[in-house]
C-alpha atoms as a PDB file:
ATOM      1  CA  MET A   1      77.631  68.146  35.565  1.00  0.00           C
ATOM      2  CA  LEU A   2      75.797  65.381  33.721  1.00  0.00           C
ATOM      3  CA  ILE A   3      72.035  65.705  33.249  1.00  0.00           C
ATOM      4  CA  SER A   4      69.849  62.638  32.879  1.00  0.00           C
ATOM      5  CA  PRO A   5      68.086  61.998  29.547  1.00  0.00           C
ATOM      6  CA  ARG A   6      64.764  62.241  31.392  1.00  0.00           C
ATOM      7  CA  LYS A   7      65.527  65.754  32.608  1.00  0.00           C
ATOM      8  CA  LEU A   8      66.727  66.804  29.164  1.00  0.00           C
ATOM      9  CA  ALA A   9      63.504  65.511  27.627  1.00  0.00           C
ATOM     10  CA  ALA A  10      61.444  67.301  30.259  1.00  0.00           C
ATOM     11  CA  ALA A  11      63.246  70.529  29.362  1.00  0.00           C
ATOM     12  CA  GLY A  12      62.343  70.068  25.702  1.00  0.00           C
ATOM     13  CA  ILE A  13      65.955  69.555  24.582  1.00  0.00           C
ATOM     14  CA  LEU A  14      66.240  68.085  21.096  1.00  0.00           C
ATOM     15  CA  GLY A  15      68.832  65.314  20.898  1.00  0.00           C
ATOM     16  CA  MET A  16      70.780  64.238  17.843  1.00  0.00           C
ATOM     17  CA  ASN A  17      68.871  61.008  17.261  1.00  0.00           C
ATOM     18  CA  SER A  18      65.510  62.766  17.360  1.00  0.00           C
ATOM     19  CA  ARG A  19      66.820  65.594  15.204  1.00  0.00           C
ATOM     20  CA  ASN A  20      68.050  63.140  12.575  1.00  0.00           C
ATOM     21  CA  HIS A  21      65.008  60.848  12.591  1.00  0.00           C
ATOM     22  CA  ASP A  22      62.030  63.076  13.441  1.00  0.00           C
ATOM     23  CA  PHE A  23      62.999  66.262  11.655  1.00  0.00           C
ATOM     24  CA  ILE A  24      65.926  66.019   9.223  1.00  0.00           C
ATOM     25  CA  GLY A  25      64.967  62.576   7.944  1.00  0.00           C
ATOM     26  CA  ARG A  26      61.288  63.388   7.792  1.00  0.00           C
ATOM     27  CA  TYR A  27      61.303  66.929   6.410  1.00  0.00           C
ATOM     28  CA  ASN A  28      64.472  67.119   4.291  1.00  0.00           C
ATOM     29  CA  GLN A  29      64.472  65.215   1.023  1.00  0.00           C
ATOM     30  CA  ARG A  30      67.945  63.914   0.292  1.00  0.00           C
ATOM     31  CA  HIS A  31      68.018  65.079  -3.315  1.00  0.00           C
ATOM     32  CA  LEU A  32      67.840  68.672  -2.027  1.00  0.00           C
ATOM     33  CA  TYR A  33      70.969  68.401   0.130  1.00  0.00           C
ATOM     34  CA  PRO A  34      73.393  69.485  -2.632  1.00  0.00           C
ATOM     35  CA  LEU A  35      71.653  72.868  -2.735  1.00  0.00           C
ATOM     36  CA  VAL A  36      73.038  73.645   0.724  1.00  0.00           C
ATOM     37  CA  ASP A  37      76.004  71.265   0.997  1.00  0.00           C
ATOM     38  CA  ASN A  38      77.626  73.078  -1.934  1.00  0.00           C
ATOM     39  CA  LYS A  39      78.122  76.779  -1.144  1.00  0.00           C
ATOM     40  CA  LEU A  40      78.411  77.681  -4.815  1.00  0.00           C
ATOM     41  CA  LYS A  41      75.004  76.158  -5.557  1.00  0.00           C
ATOM     42  CA  THR A  42      73.564  77.987  -2.537  1.00  0.00           C
ATOM     43  CA  LYS A  43      74.994  81.273  -3.782  1.00  0.00           C
ATOM     44  CA  ARG A  44      73.610  80.785  -7.296  1.00  0.00           C
ATOM     45  CA  LEU A  45      70.211  79.858  -5.873  1.00  0.00           C
ATOM     46  CA  ALA A  46      70.171  82.893  -3.572  1.00  0.00           C
ATOM     47  CA  GLU A  47      70.994  85.121  -6.530  1.00  0.00           C
ATOM     48  CA  LYS A  48      68.001  83.686  -8.391  1.00  0.00           C
ATOM     49  CA  TYR A  49      65.727  84.454  -5.431  1.00  0.00           C
ATOM     50  CA  GLY A  50      67.102  87.953  -4.895  1.00  0.00           C
ATOM     51  CA  ILE A  51      68.837  87.202  -1.586  1.00  0.00           C
ATOM     52  CA  ALA A  52      72.133  89.040  -1.160  1.00  0.00           C
ATOM     53  CA  THR A  53      75.360  87.118  -0.449  1.00  0.00           C
ATOM     54  CA  PRO A  54      79.015  88.224  -0.113  1.00  0.00           C
ATOM     55  CA  LYS A  55      80.419  89.148  -3.537  1.00  0.00           C
ATOM     56  CA  LEU A  56      82.041  86.218  -5.333  1.00  0.00           C
ATOM     57  CA  ARG A  57      85.365  87.020  -7.052  1.00  0.00           C
ATOM     58  CA  PHE A  58      86.771  83.689  -8.236  1.00  0.00           C
ATOM     59  CA  VAL A  59      85.796  80.011  -8.389  1.00  0.00           C
ATOM     60  CA  LEU A  60      88.502  77.353  -8.690  1.00  0.00           C
ATOM     61  CA  HIS A  61      87.869  73.735  -9.629  1.00  0.00           C
ATOM     62  CA  HIS A  62      91.367  72.468 -10.566  1.00  0.00           C
ATOM     63  CA  GLN A  63      94.854  72.393  -9.077  1.00  0.00           C
ATOM     64  CA  TYR A  64      96.386  74.138 -12.078  1.00  0.00           C
ATOM     65  CA  GLU A  65      94.263  77.216 -11.303  1.00  0.00           C
ATOM     66  CA  VAL A  66      95.772  77.686  -7.845  1.00  0.00           C
ATOM     67  CA  LYS A  67      99.020  79.479  -8.678  1.00  0.00           C
ATOM     68  CA  ARG A  68      97.398  81.724 -11.260  1.00  0.00           C
ATOM     69  CA  THR A  69      94.645  82.779  -8.877  1.00  0.00           C
ATOM     70  CA  ALA A  70      97.045  83.157  -5.960  1.00  0.00           C
ATOM     71  CA  ARG A  71      99.029  85.650  -8.034  1.00  0.00           C
ATOM     72  CA  LEU A  72      95.841  87.641  -8.592  1.00  0.00           C
ATOM     73  CA  LEU A  73      95.118  87.550  -4.862  1.00  0.00           C
ATOM     74  CA  ALA A  74      98.587  88.952  -4.172  1.00  0.00           C
ATOM     75  CA  GLN A  75      97.220  92.300  -5.393  1.00  0.00           C
ATOM     76  CA  ARG A  76      94.213  92.273  -3.041  1.00  0.00           C
ATOM     77  CA  GLU A  77      94.120  93.681   0.471  1.00  0.00           C
ATOM     78  CA  SER A  78      91.471  91.291   1.747  1.00  0.00           C
ATOM     79  CA  PHE A  79      89.570  88.179   0.679  1.00  0.00           C
ATOM     80  CA  VAL A  80      87.988  84.977   1.963  1.00  0.00           C
ATOM     81  CA  VAL A  81      88.944  81.510   0.722  1.00  0.00           C
ATOM     82  CA  LYS A  82      86.397  78.792   1.465  1.00  0.00           C
ATOM     83  CA  PRO A  83      85.711  75.232   0.320  1.00  0.00           C
ATOM     84  CA  ALA A  84      82.461  74.855  -1.588  1.00  0.00           C
ATOM     85  CA  LYS A  85      81.646  71.630   0.279  1.00  0.00           C
ATOM     86  CA  GLY A  86      83.169  72.382   3.674  1.00  0.00           C
ATOM     87  CA  SER A  87      81.266  72.243   6.950  1.00  0.00           C
ATOM     88  CA  GLY A  88      81.622  73.605  10.460  1.00  0.00           C
ATOM     89  CA  GLY A  89      83.849  76.467   9.346  1.00  0.00           C
ATOM     90  CA  LYS A  90      86.621  74.073   8.308  1.00  0.00           C
ATOM     91  CA  GLY A  91      88.957  75.255   5.586  1.00  0.00           C
ATOM     92  CA  ILE A  92      87.873  78.894   5.639  1.00  0.00           C
ATOM     93  CA  LEU A  93      90.761  81.352   5.408  1.00  0.00           C
ATOM     94  CA  VAL A  94      89.989  85.020   6.066  1.00  0.00           C
ATOM     95  CA  ILE A  95      92.583  87.596   5.011  1.00  0.00           C
ATOM     96  CA  VAL A  96      91.885  91.108   6.308  1.00  0.00           C
ATOM     97  CA  GLY A  97      95.028  92.985   5.321  1.00  0.00           C
ATOM     98  CA  ARG A  98      98.617  93.023   4.092  1.00  0.00           C
ATOM     99  CA  ASN A  99     102.011  93.535   5.669  1.00  0.00           C
ATOM    100  CA  GLY A 100     104.419  93.874   2.788  1.00  0.00           C
ATOM    101  CA  ASP A 101     104.343  90.596   0.872  1.00  0.00           C
ATOM    102  CA  ARG A 102     102.597  88.758   3.727  1.00  0.00           C
ATOM    103  CA  PHE A 103      98.871  88.350   4.312  1.00  0.00           C
ATOM    104  CA  VAL A 104      97.260  89.132   7.683  1.00  0.00           C
ATOM    105  CA  LYS A 105      94.490  86.916   9.062  1.00  0.00           C
ATOM    106  CA  GLY A 106      91.700  88.237  11.272  1.00  0.00           C
ATOM    107  CA  SER A 107      93.588  86.996  14.331  1.00  0.00           C
ATOM    108  CA  GLY A 108      96.660  89.034  13.357  1.00  0.00           C
ATOM    109  CA  VAL A 109      98.668  85.963  12.319  1.00  0.00           C
ATOM    110  CA  GLU A 110     100.624  86.521   9.116  1.00  0.00           C
ATOM    111  CA  VAL A 111     100.889  83.988   6.288  1.00  0.00           C
ATOM    112  CA  THR A 112     102.820  83.910   3.023  1.00  0.00           C
ATOM    113  CA  LEU A 113     101.558  83.550  -0.530  1.00  0.00           C
ATOM    114  CA  HIS A 114     102.949  80.016  -0.439  1.00  0.00           C
ATOM    115  CA  ASP A 115     100.810  79.312   2.652  1.00  0.00           C
ATOM    116  CA  VAL A 116      97.725  80.533   0.795  1.00  0.00           C
ATOM    117  CA  GLU A 117      98.574  78.393  -2.244  1.00  0.00           C
ATOM    118  CA  ARG A 118      99.043  75.307  -0.076  1.00  0.00           C
ATOM    119  CA  HIS A 119      95.753  75.960   1.688  1.00  0.00           C
ATOM    120  CA  MET A 120      93.928  76.305  -1.624  1.00  0.00           C
ATOM    121  CA  SER A 121      95.547  73.142  -2.977  1.00  0.00           C
ATOM    122  CA  ASN A 122      94.421  71.218   0.110  1.00  0.00           C
ATOM    123  CA  ILE A 123      90.849  72.414  -0.368  1.00  0.00           C
ATOM    124  CA  ILE A 124      90.720  71.174  -3.974  1.00  0.00           C
ATOM    125  CA  ALA A 125      92.207  67.845  -2.844  1.00  0.00           C
ATOM    126  CA  GLY A 126      89.209  67.451  -0.507  1.00  0.00           C
ATOM    127  CA  LEU A 127      90.917  67.970   2.860  1.00  0.00           C
ATOM    128  CA  HIS A 128      87.965  69.964   4.223  1.00  0.00           C
ATOM    129  CA  SER A 129      85.050  68.636   2.177  1.00  0.00           C
ATOM    130  CA  LEU A 130      82.213  66.413   3.283  1.00  0.00           C
ATOM    131  CA  GLY A 131      83.377  62.836   2.727  1.00  0.00           C
ATOM    132  CA  GLY A 132      86.867  63.950   1.687  1.00  0.00           C
ATOM    133  CA  ASN A 133      85.848  64.248  -1.969  1.00  0.00           C
ATOM    134  CA  PRO A 134      87.586  66.634  -4.402  1.00  0.00           C
ATOM    135  CA  ASP A 135      86.291  70.146  -3.879  1.00  0.00           C
ATOM    136  CA  SER A 136      86.083  73.612  -5.409  1.00  0.00           C
ATOM    137  CA  ILE A 137      87.111  76.952  -3.949  1.00  0.00           C
ATOM    138  CA  LEU A 138      85.071  80.111  -3.552  1.00  0.00           C
ATOM    139  CA  ILE A 139      86.977  83.363  -3.143  1.00  0.00           C
ATOM    140  CA  GLU A 140      84.755  86.141  -1.856  1.00  0.00           C
ATOM    141  CA  ASP A 141      84.979  89.657  -0.523  1.00  0.00           C
ATOM    142  CA  VAL A 142      85.392  89.980   3.235  1.00  0.00           C
ATOM    143  CA  VAL A 143      82.166  91.056   4.931  1.00  0.00           C
ATOM    144  CA  GLN A 144      82.600  94.525   6.431  1.00  0.00           C
ATOM    145  CA  CYS A 145      80.429  94.076   9.483  1.00  0.00           C
ATOM    146  CA  ALA A 146      78.095  96.826  10.647  1.00  0.00           C
ATOM    147  CA  PRO A 147      80.000  98.681  13.407  1.00  0.00           C
ATOM    148  CA  TRP A 148      77.253  98.313  16.012  1.00  0.00           C
ATOM    149  CA  LEU A 149      77.486  94.501  15.739  1.00  0.00           C
ATOM    150  CA  ALA A 150      81.236  94.272  15.100  1.00  0.00           C
ATOM    151  CA  ALA A 151      81.813  95.826  18.532  1.00  0.00           C
ATOM    152  CA  TYR A 152      80.570  92.594  20.140  1.00  0.00           C
ATOM    153  CA  SER A 153      82.992  90.347  18.290  1.00  0.00           C
ATOM    154  CA  TYR A 154      86.791  90.013  18.281  1.00  0.00           C
ATOM    155  CA  GLU A 155      89.083  89.491  15.307  1.00  0.00           C
ATOM    156  CA  GLY A 156      86.234  88.258  13.118  1.00  0.00           C
ATOM    157  CA  VAL A 157      82.772  88.836  11.678  1.00  0.00           C
ATOM    158  CA  PRO A 158      79.806  87.663  13.799  1.00  0.00           C
ATOM    159  CA  ASP A 159      77.032  85.702  12.142  1.00  0.00           C
ATOM    160  CA  ILE A 160      73.422  85.021  13.028  1.00  0.00           C
ATOM    161  CA  ARG A 161      72.185  81.419  12.984  1.00  0.00           C
ATOM    162  CA  VAL A 162      68.423  80.886  12.646  1.00  0.00           C
ATOM    163  CA  ILE A 163      66.774  77.456  12.821  1.00  0.00           C
ATOM    164  CA  VAL A 164      63.875  77.357  10.380  1.00  0.00           C
ATOM    165  CA  PHE A 165      61.222  74.629  10.539  1.00  0.00           C
ATOM    166  CA  LYS A 166      58.537  74.340   7.838  1.00  0.00           C
ATOM    167  CA  GLY A 167      59.358  77.930   6.946  1.00  0.00           C
ATOM    168  CA  TYR A 168      59.000  79.258  10.514  1.00  0.00           C
ATOM    169  CA  PRO A 169      62.013  80.650  12.418  1.00  0.00           C
ATOM    170  CA  VAL A 170      62.002  78.827  15.765  1.00  0.00           C
ATOM    171  CA  LEU A 171      65.325  79.603  17.476  1.00  0.00           C
ATOM    172  CA  ALA A 172      68.210  82.010  16.835  1.00  0.00           C
ATOM    173  CA  MET A 173      71.627  82.959  18.122  1.00  0.00           C
ATOM    174  CA  VAL A 174      74.533  85.229  17.289  1.00  0.00           C
ATOM    175  CA  ARG A 175      77.978  83.638  17.063  1.00  0.00           C
ATOM    176  CA  LEU A 176      80.808  85.963  18.039  1.00  0.00           C
ATOM    177  CA  ALA A 177      84.427  85.354  17.153  1.00  0.00           C
ATOM    178  CA  THR A 178      87.109  85.212  19.830  1.00  0.00           C
ATOM    179  CA  HIS A 179      90.884  85.009  19.885  1.00  0.00           C
ATOM    180  CA  ALA A 180      90.520  81.327  20.806  1.00  0.00           C
ATOM    181  CA  SER A 181      88.392  80.691  17.694  1.00  0.00           C
ATOM    182  CA  ASP A 182      91.007  82.341  15.428  1.00  0.00           C
ATOM    183  CA  GLY A 183      88.537  85.001  14.382  1.00  0.00           C
ATOM    184  CA  LYS A 184      85.927  82.472  13.223  1.00  0.00           C
ATOM    185  CA  ALA A 185      82.331  82.408  14.441  1.00  0.00           C
ATOM    186  CA  ASN A 186      82.448  78.676  15.190  1.00  0.00           C
ATOM    187  CA  LEU A 187      81.287  77.518  18.635  1.00  0.00           C
ATOM    188  CA  HIS A 188      83.321  74.308  18.556  1.00  0.00           C
ATOM    189  CA  GLN A 189      86.477  76.370  18.039  1.00  0.00           C
ATOM    190  CA  GLY A 190      85.797  78.667  20.993  1.00  0.00           C
ATOM    191  CA  ALA A 191      83.451  81.338  19.640  1.00  0.00           C
ATOM    192  CA  VAL A 192      80.732  82.787  21.873  1.00  0.00           C
ATOM    193  CA  GLY A 193      77.076  81.943  21.271  1.00  0.00           C
ATOM    194  CA  VAL A 194      74.432  84.480  22.297  1.00  0.00           C
ATOM    195  CA  GLY A 195      70.819  83.301  22.330  1.00  0.00           C
ATOM    196  CA  ILE A 196      68.460  85.807  20.723  1.00  0.00           C
ATOM    197  CA  ASP A 197      64.793  86.355  21.550  1.00  0.00           C
ATOM    198  CA  ILE A 198      62.727  85.581  18.438  1.00  0.00           C
ATOM    199  CA  ALA A 199      60.183  88.259  19.330  1.00  0.00           C
ATOM    200  CA  THR A 200      62.512  91.201  19.958  1.00  0.00           C
ATOM    201  CA  GLY A 201      66.035  90.449  18.732  1.00  0.00           C
ATOM    202  CA  CYS A 202      67.396  90.992  22.259  1.00  0.00           C
ATOM    203  CA  ALA A 203      70.079  88.816  23.869  1.00  0.00           C
ATOM    204  CA  LEU A 204      68.826  86.105  26.222  1.00  0.00           C
ATOM    205  CA  LYS A 205      72.056  84.570  27.494  1.00  0.00           C
ATOM    206  CA  ALA A 206      75.595  83.884  26.307  1.00  0.00           C
ATOM    207  CA  VAL A 207      77.822  80.815  26.435  1.00  0.00           C
ATOM    208  CA  GLN A 208      81.358  79.830  25.516  1.00  0.00           C
ATOM    209  CA  GLN A 209      82.313  76.154  25.391  1.00  0.00           C
ATOM    210  CA  SER A 210      78.864  75.433  26.945  1.00  0.00           C
ATOM    211  CA  ARG A 211      79.653  77.623  29.996  1.00  0.00           C
ATOM    212  CA  ARG A 212      77.438  80.609  30.692  1.00  0.00           C
ATOM    213  CA  ILE A 213      79.177  83.994  30.490  1.00  0.00           C
ATOM    214  CA  GLN A 214      78.103  87.631  30.508  1.00  0.00           C
ATOM    215  CA  ILE A 215      81.222  89.460  29.330  1.00  0.00           C
ATOM    216  CA  HIS A 216      83.046  88.740  26.061  1.00  0.00           C
ATOM    217  CA  PRO A 217      86.365  87.090  27.023  1.00  0.00           C
ATOM    218  CA  ASP A 218      88.485  89.340  24.776  1.00  0.00           C
ATOM    219  CA  ASN A 219      86.889  92.787  24.601  1.00  0.00           C
ATOM    220  CA  ASP A 220      85.047  92.962  27.968  1.00  0.00           C
ATOM    221  CA  ILE A 221      81.751  94.013  26.375  1.00  0.00           C
ATOM    222  CA  ASP A 222      78.474  93.125  28.099  1.00  0.00           C
ATOM    223  CA  LEU A 223      76.893  90.496  25.845  1.00  0.00           C
ATOM    224  CA  HIS A 224      73.477  90.845  27.453  1.00  0.00           C
ATOM    225  CA  ALA A 225      73.225  94.374  26.031  1.00  0.00           C
ATOM    226  CA  LEU A 226      73.168  93.045  22.463  1.00  0.00           C
ATOM    227  CA  GLN A 227      70.059  93.768  20.403  1.00  0.00           C
ATOM    228  CA  ILE A 228      69.912  92.960  16.689  1.00  0.00           C
ATOM    229  CA  GLN A 229      68.769  95.834  14.503  1.00  0.00           C
ATOM    230  CA  ASP A 230      66.153  95.262  11.785  1.00  0.00           C
ATOM    231  CA  TRP A 231      65.479  91.894  13.424  1.00  0.00           C
ATOM    232  CA  THR A 232      62.147  91.140  11.739  1.00  0.00           C
ATOM    233  CA  HIS A 233      63.677  91.633   8.288  1.00  0.00           C
ATOM    234  CA  LEU A 234      66.487  89.198   9.122  1.00  0.00           C
ATOM    235  CA  LEU A 235      63.957  86.589  10.214  1.00  0.00           C
ATOM    236  CA  GLU A 236      62.022  87.076   6.985  1.00  0.00           C
ATOM    237  CA  ILE A 237      65.173  86.385   4.959  1.00  0.00           C
ATOM    238  CA  ALA A 238      65.781  83.202   6.959  1.00  0.00           C
ATOM    239  CA  ALA A 239      62.148  82.133   6.590  1.00  0.00           C
ATOM    240  CA  GLY A 240      62.320  82.678   2.822  1.00  0.00           C
ATOM    241  CA  CYS A 241      65.174  80.168   2.571  1.00  0.00           C
ATOM    242  CA  ALA A 242      62.618  77.396   3.100  1.00  0.00           C
ATOM    243  CA  GLU A 243      60.917  78.175  -0.222  1.00  0.00           C
ATOM    244  CA  MET A 244      64.286  78.712  -1.861  1.00  0.00           C
ATOM    245  CA  THR A 245      65.604  75.251  -0.980  1.00  0.00           C
ATOM    246  CA  GLY A 246      62.511  73.145  -0.351  1.00  0.00           C
ATOM    247  CA  LEU A 247      64.018  71.989   2.966  1.00  0.00           C
ATOM    248  CA  GLY A 248      61.689  71.641   5.934  1.00  0.00           C
ATOM    249  CA  TYR A 249      64.397  71.803   8.601  1.00  0.00           C
ATOM    250  CA  LEU A 250      67.448  73.997   8.106  1.00  0.00           C
ATOM    251  CA  GLY A 251      69.879  76.459   9.629  1.00  0.00           C
ATOM    252  CA  ALA A 252      70.332  79.834   7.932  1.00  0.00           C
ATOM    253  CA  ASP A 253      73.526  81.796   8.656  1.00  0.00           C
ATOM    254  CA  LEU A 254      73.304  85.535   8.049  1.00  0.00           C
ATOM    255  CA  VAL A 255      75.754  88.425   8.342  1.00  0.00           C
ATOM    256  CA  ILE A 256      75.162  92.178   8.379  1.00  0.00           C
ATOM    257  CA  ASP A 257      77.440  94.169   6.073  1.00  0.00           C
ATOM    258  CA  ARG A 258      77.883  97.844   6.889  1.00  0.00           C
ATOM    259  CA  GLU A 259      77.181  98.880   3.279  1.00  0.00           C
ATOM    260  CA  HIS A 260      74.984  96.116   1.863  1.00  0.00           C
ATOM    261  CA  GLY A 261      72.969  95.182   4.952  1.00  0.00           C
ATOM    262  CA  PRO A 262      71.883  91.565   5.626  1.00  0.00           C
ATOM    263  CA  GLU A 263      73.546  88.880   3.517  1.00  0.00           C
ATOM    264  CA  LEU A 264      73.136  85.109   3.459  1.00  0.00           C
ATOM    265  CA  LEU A 265      76.411  83.415   4.341  1.00  0.00           C
ATOM    266  CA  GLU A 266      75.356  79.784   3.993  1.00  0.00           C
ATOM    267  CA  LEU A 267      72.631  77.213   4.727  1.00  0.00           C
ATOM    268  CA  ASN A 268      72.824  73.944   6.605  1.00  0.00           C
ATOM    269  CA  ALA A 269      70.543  70.919   6.231  1.00  0.00           C
ATOM    270  CA  ARG A 270      71.894  69.423   9.481  1.00  0.00           C
ATOM    271  CA  PRO A 271      72.230  72.395  11.859  1.00  0.00           C
ATOM    272  CA  GLY A 272      73.841  71.690  15.229  1.00  0.00           C
ATOM    273  CA  LEU A 273      72.075  71.609  18.567  1.00  0.00           C
ATOM    274  CA  ALA A 274      74.253  73.973  20.631  1.00  0.00           C
ATOM    275  CA  ILE A 275      71.820  76.774  19.817  1.00  0.00           C
ATOM    276  CA  GLN A 276      69.630  75.363  22.600  1.00  0.00           C
ATOM    277  CA  ILE A 277      72.408  75.903  25.134  1.00  0.00           C
ATOM    278  CA  ALA A 278      72.934  79.465  23.933  1.00  0.00           C
ATOM    279  CA  ASN A 279      69.221  80.190  24.378  1.00  0.00           C
ATOM    280  CA  GLY A 280      68.518  78.188  27.508  1.00  0.00           C
ATOM    281  CA  ILE A 281      65.460  76.895  25.640  1.00  0.00           C
ATOM    282  CA  GLY A 282      64.811  73.476  24.100  1.00  0.00           C
ATOM    283  CA  LEU A 283      63.791  73.145  20.457  1.00  0.00           C
ATOM    284  CA  VAL A 284      61.205  70.392  20.894  1.00  0.00           C
ATOM    285  CA  PRO A 285      58.266  72.525  22.158  1.00  0.00           C
ATOM    286  CA  ARG A 286      58.759  74.998  19.301  1.00  0.00           C
ATOM    287  CA  LEU A 287      59.005  72.268  16.672  1.00  0.00           C
ATOM    288  CA  ARG A 288      55.958  70.432  17.958  1.00  0.00           C
ATOM    289  CA  HIS A 289      54.033  73.699  18.080  1.00  0.00           C
ATOM    290  CA  ILE A 290      54.700  74.310  14.394  1.00  0.00           C
ATOM    291  CA  GLU A 291      53.949  70.689  13.510  1.00  0.00           C
ATOM    292  CA  ALA A 292      50.535  71.005  15.150  1.00  0.00           C
ATOM    293  CA  LEU A 293      49.439  74.019  13.091  1.00  0.00           C
ATOM    294  CA  ASP A 294      46.308  73.314  11.074  1.00  0.00           C
ATOM    295  CA  THR A 295      47.168  75.946   8.482  1.00  0.00           C
ATOM    296  CA  VAL A 296      50.641  76.968   7.311  1.00  0.00           C
ATOM    297  CA  HIS A 297      51.145  80.645   6.521  1.00  0.00           C
ATOM    298  CA  GLN A 298      52.214  80.905   2.890  1.00  0.00           C
ATOM    299  CA  ASP A 299      54.011  84.240   3.191  1.00  0.00           C
ATOM    300  CA  ALA A 300      57.401  84.476   4.952  1.00  0.00           C
ATOM    301  CA  ALA A 301      56.445  87.755   6.640  1.00  0.00           C
ATOM    302  CA  ALA A 302      53.270  86.167   7.998  1.00  0.00           C
ATOM    303  CA  ARG A 303      55.239  83.204   9.359  1.00  0.00           C
ATOM    304  CA  VAL A 304      57.652  85.539  11.118  1.00  0.00           C
ATOM    305  CA  ALA A 305      54.814  87.601  12.581  1.00  0.00           C
ATOM    306  CA  TYR A 306      53.225  84.386  13.865  1.00  0.00           C
ATOM    307  CA  VAL A 307      56.296  83.109  15.715  1.00  0.00           C
ATOM    308  CA  GLN A 308      57.097  86.526  17.136  1.00  0.00           C
ATOM    309  CA  LYS A 309      53.693  86.492  18.779  1.00  0.00           C
ATOM    310  CA  ALA A 310      53.565  82.772  19.637  1.00  0.00           C
ATOM    311  CA  PHE A 311      57.062  82.682  21.147  1.00  0.00           C
ATOM    312  CA  ALA A 312      57.037  86.113  22.761  1.00  0.00           C
ATOM    313  CA  ALA A 313      57.816  84.626  26.182  1.00  0.00           C
ATOM    314  CA  ASP A 314      61.451  83.845  25.278  1.00  0.00           C
ATOM    315  CA  MET A 315      62.889  86.239  27.854  1.00  0.00           C
ATOM    316  CA  ALA A 316      60.912  84.758  30.732  1.00  0.00           C
ATOM    317  CA  LEU A 317      61.603  81.180  29.673  1.00  0.00           C
ATOM    318  CA  ALA A 318      65.343  81.711  29.435  1.00  0.00           C
ATOM    319  CA  GLY A 319      65.514  83.201  32.883  1.00  0.00           C
END
């Protein structure tokens, strides 16, 4: 059912034009974009600021490196191949196991070493990069998700997206992989989005392909029972990414490893708007609230404490 622009505005829904003009264009300086558009630069920056990320094993910049590195990967049980300049989950290949000389993806589909080599070659050629420019490859360890959170996903690692404005976390969701999304936590590919209450870390509502659901389509688990552990600490990591990058409006994607705890997966200077659907709450009132503050809290923990108190009515608002 179509909803009129007037009703969307009344509900505080942020549209793409306003996002681009009023927030991204105004608060994100273009020279800072490479810090988040290039995952290798993000990882190096996070290391400098003491923020954990999945362990990096190899970096490839040239086609001649592909076969040599692929041979090294043939000895590994699991790994992740991702384009340094990819977006929207495109080009990411997650290998979780082996079956003889074949590699097993999170979805259970098997691929050959030749398939992996071709995928890597396509990444370097720029098939998945922003603008189609030549790219580099990051090969990382697979995140071993904390069991309590992994139970809510299917064939893939869930991640937590937090929208951060002027250093304040304003909206959050968990993205859960499905069979339809090929084990990737990407909403456009069929993953489930679960809106999360900023104050408590509890689930507000869940959607798949913009339709409200309560039960995960593949594992029959009640999504409304989800509550993120150590929630305040996760928000503080996301809030700290503002100082790390200098960006005023960003999306921080976090994962929770069973051994290493919270890790930064990547950052986005142009985060999508579907998080509003997952929460049942528009971004505009939150953004305007932060804009109107007379004094900005300098410490990330103080900023998190502020929004957890100011936006404590998330549950009631989401209905």
